[in-house]
């Protein structure tokens, strides 16, 4: 009997969602004339949502991400290297 079980990785789905949110927030900040990296770092360090614009629902989007998970994904991606 052949096992045709398909496995799904919730971690990959969550990482993809975090990436999508960050890209959307980055674009919204850029459109409003902010320095997106500085604003996102400010938000991560302080967890103060006012660092993120409400433009294109960016503030609401970023608040859906747990800050610890966001930091884990960022550090993991950074350390992957080449």
Protein backbone atom coordinates (compact mmCIF):
# COMPACT_ATOMS: atom_id res chain seq x y z
CA UNK A 1 0.00 0.00 0.00
CA UNK A 2 1.37 3.41 -0.98
CA UNK A 3 1.11 6.15 1.58
CA UNK A 4 -0.22 9.24 -0.19
CA UNK A 5 -0.23 11.45 2.86
CA UNK A 6 0.57 15.04 2.05
CA UNK A 7 2.37 16.98 4.72
CA UNK A 8 1.90 20.70 5.13
CA UNK A 9 4.24 22.93 7.03
CA UNK A 10 2.45 25.52 9.09
CA UNK A 11 5.79 27.16 9.79
CA UNK A 12 6.33 27.85 6.07
CA UNK A 13 2.81 29.24 5.76
CA UNK A 14 3.35 31.51 8.75
CA UNK A 15 6.73 32.67 7.40
CA UNK A 16 5.12 33.46 4.06
CA UNK A 17 2.36 35.43 5.79
CA UNK A 18 4.93 37.41 7.79
CA UNK A 19 6.91 38.15 4.63
CA UNK A 20 3.77 39.33 2.82
CA UNK A 21 2.77 41.58 5.70
CA UNK A 22 6.26 43.07 5.96
CA UNK A 23 6.36 43.76 2.23
CA UNK A 24 2.94 45.44 2.35
CA UNK A 25 3.90 47.52 5.38
CA UNK A 26 7.21 48.47 3.74
CA UNK A 27 5.43 49.64 0.57
CA UNK A 28 2.82 51.61 2.53
CA UNK A 29 5.53 53.40 4.51
CA UNK A 30 7.48 54.13 1.34
CA UNK A 31 4.37 55.51 -0.40
CA UNK A 32 3.82 57.89 2.52
CA UNK A 33 7.42 59.15 2.32
CA UNK A 34 8.77 57.47 5.45
CA UNK A 35 12.03 55.55 5.78
CA UNK A 36 10.46 52.06 5.94
CA UNK A 37 13.41 50.32 7.60
CA UNK A 38 13.67 52.90 10.39
CA UNK A 39 9.94 52.82 11.01
CA UNK A 40 9.75 49.01 11.11
CA UNK A 41 12.76 48.82 13.44
CA UNK A 42 11.17 51.45 15.67
CA UNK A 43 8.00 49.39 15.80
CA UNK A 44 9.87 46.17 16.58
CA UNK A 45 11.92 47.75 19.37
CA UNK A 46 9.09 49.65 21.02
CA UNK A 47 5.98 47.75 19.87
CA UNK A 48 4.45 51.21 19.43
CA UNK A 49 2.01 50.93 16.50
CA UNK A 50 2.30 54.62 15.70
CA UNK A 51 5.60 53.88 13.94
CA UNK A 52 3.49 52.26 11.22
CA UNK A 53 1.20 54.27 8.99
CA UNK A 54 -2.49 53.49 8.70
CA UNK A 55 -2.13 53.89 4.91
CA UNK A 56 -3.27 50.73 3.10
CA UNK A 57 -4.19 49.19 6.46
CA UNK A 58 -0.48 48.69 7.26
CA UNK A 59 -0.82 49.29 11.01
CA UNK A 60 -3.60 46.76 11.33
CA UNK A 61 -1.65 44.22 9.29
CA UNK A 62 1.55 44.42 11.32
CA UNK A 63 -0.32 44.09 14.59
CA UNK A 64 -1.53 40.65 13.46
CA UNK A 65 2.06 39.39 13.70
CA UNK A 66 3.49 38.35 17.05
CA UNK A 67 6.63 40.43 17.57
CA UNK A 68 8.65 37.44 18.83
CA UNK A 69 7.72 35.41 15.74
CA UNK A 70 8.64 38.35 13.54
CA UNK A 71 12.07 38.59 15.17
CA UNK A 72 12.61 34.84 14.86
CA UNK A 73 11.82 34.91 11.14
CA UNK A 74 14.06 37.93 10.55
CA UNK A 75 17.03 36.43 12.40
CA UNK A 76 16.56 33.04 10.74
CA UNK A 77 16.41 34.57 7.28
CA UNK A 78 19.41 36.79 7.97
CA UNK A 79 21.53 33.90 9.20
CA UNK A 80 20.66 31.63 6.27
CA UNK A 81 23.18 33.52 4.19
CA UNK A 82 24.25 32.12 0.87
